[in-house]
Amino acid sequence: MQPNLDIHRHSDGSMDFDFYRRRASRLRRLYKRLIFKQWLAQATAITLFVLSTAKSLSCAGERPPQRARGLIRASALTMLLRRRVGGAVS
């Protein structure tokens, strides 16, 4: 088995534990930031979904604009004619 030559050492030959401690601390900070960013993105998406759903539910009782009401009436009439005639109406 070959010894690992990538070990950080002081000039006297002892292991540099501070190097590894700093590196581990830096990696922990990086992963904490990464996890927080992922959590924040998910929380933002859920909040936007809830707000848009609440808005659409609160607007459900409002009447559509005049142009949309005409289209709704025309499509309802078309559906009624299709049922009675039994054929396609254009």
Protein backbone atom coordinates (compact mmCIF):
# COMPACT_ATOMS: atom_id res chain seq x y z
CA MET A 1 0.00 0.00 0.00
CA GLN A 2 1.36 3.41 -0.98
CA PRO A 3 1.27 6.36 1.43
CA ASN A 4 -0.92 9.33 0.55
CA LEU A 5 1.37 12.16 -0.52
CA ASP A 6 -1.35 14.85 -0.51
CA ILE A 7 -1.28 15.37 3.27
CA HIS A 8 -0.68 18.97 4.34
CA ARG A 9 2.15 19.16 6.83
CA HIS A 10 4.01 21.85 8.72
CA SER A 11 7.68 22.45 8.02
CA ASP A 12 8.61 20.25 10.99
CA GLY A 13 6.73 17.31 9.43
CA SER A 14 3.67 17.34 11.72
CA MET A 15 0.18 17.26 10.21
CA ASP A 16 -1.52 20.59 9.57
CA PHE A 17 -4.89 19.99 11.25
CA ASP A 18 -5.89 23.65 10.90
CA PHE A 19 -5.85 23.30 7.11
CA TYR A 20 -8.34 20.42 7.26
CA ARG A 21 -10.42 22.19 9.93
CA ARG A 22 -10.71 25.32 7.74
CA ARG A 23 -11.53 23.24 4.68
CA ALA A 24 -14.24 21.31 6.53
CA SER A 25 -15.69 24.55 7.88
CA ARG A 26 -15.71 26.07 4.39
CA LEU A 27 -17.48 23.00 2.96
CA ARG A 28 -20.07 23.06 5.75
CA ARG A 29 -20.84 26.72 5.01
CA LEU A 30 -21.12 25.98 1.29
CA TYR A 31 -23.55 23.09 1.85
CA LYS A 32 -25.63 25.12 4.32
CA ARG A 33 -25.96 27.89 1.72
CA LEU A 34 -26.86 25.39 -0.97
CA ILE A 35 -29.52 23.73 1.17
CA PHE A 36 -30.93 27.12 2.19
CA LYS A 37 -31.13 28.24 -1.45
CA GLN A 38 -32.97 25.05 -2.39
CA TRP A 39 -35.33 25.44 0.55
CA LEU A 40 -35.94 29.10 -0.33
CA ALA A 41 -36.72 28.23 -3.96
CA GLN A 42 -39.23 25.58 -2.87
CA ALA A 43 -40.81 27.88 -0.29
CA THR A 44 -41.12 30.64 -2.91
CA ALA A 45 -42.74 28.29 -5.41
CA ILE A 46 -45.23 27.02 -2.83
CA THR A 47 -46.04 30.58 -1.70
CA LEU A 48 -46.63 31.74 -5.28
CA PHE A 49 -48.85 28.72 -5.94
CA VAL A 50 -50.91 29.36 -2.81
CA LEU A 51 -51.26 33.06 -3.61
CA SER A 52 -52.30 32.44 -7.22
CA THR A 53 -54.81 29.80 -6.10
CA ALA A 54 -56.24 32.12 -3.45
CA LYS A 55 -56.52 34.91 -6.02
CA SER A 56 -58.28 32.69 -8.54
CA LEU A 57 -60.68 31.46 -5.85
CA SER A 58 -61.44 34.98 -4.67
CA CYS A 59 -62.12 36.08 -8.26
CA ALA A 60 -64.38 33.08 -8.97
CA GLY A 61 -67.55 35.00 -8.04
CA GLU A 62 -66.83 37.94 -10.34
CA ARG A 63 -68.50 38.23 -13.71
CA PRO A 64 -66.27 37.88 -16.77
CA PRO A 65 -65.83 40.92 -19.07
CA GLN A 66 -68.48 41.64 -21.72
CA ARG A 67 -66.51 40.05 -24.59
CA ALA A 68 -65.95 36.86 -22.60
CA ARG A 69 -69.64 36.68 -21.69
CA GLY A 70 -70.54 36.79 -25.37
CA LEU A 71 -68.10 33.97 -26.12
CA ILE A 72 -69.49 31.94 -23.24
CA ARG A 73 -73.04 32.42 -24.53
CA ALA A 74 -71.97 31.46 -28.07
CA SER A 75 -70.19 28.31 -26.90
CA ALA A 76 -73.18 27.35 -24.70
CA LEU A 77 -75.51 27.82 -27.66
CA THR A 78 -73.22 25.72 -29.87
CA MET A 79 -73.16 22.93 -27.29
CA LEU A 80 -76.96 23.04 -27.01
CA LEU A 81 -77.36 22.82 -30.80
CA ARG A 82 -74.93 19.91 -31.00
CA ARG A 83 -76.95 17.99 -28.43
CA ARG A 84 -80.30 18.63 -30.14
CA VAL A 85 -79.19 18.18 -33.73
CA GLY A 86 -76.72 15.43 -33.00
CA GLY A 87 -74.26 16.73 -35.55
CA ALA A 88 -71.36 19.08 -35.81
CA VAL A 89 -72.13 22.77 -35.87
CA SER A 90 -69.46 25.18 -37.01
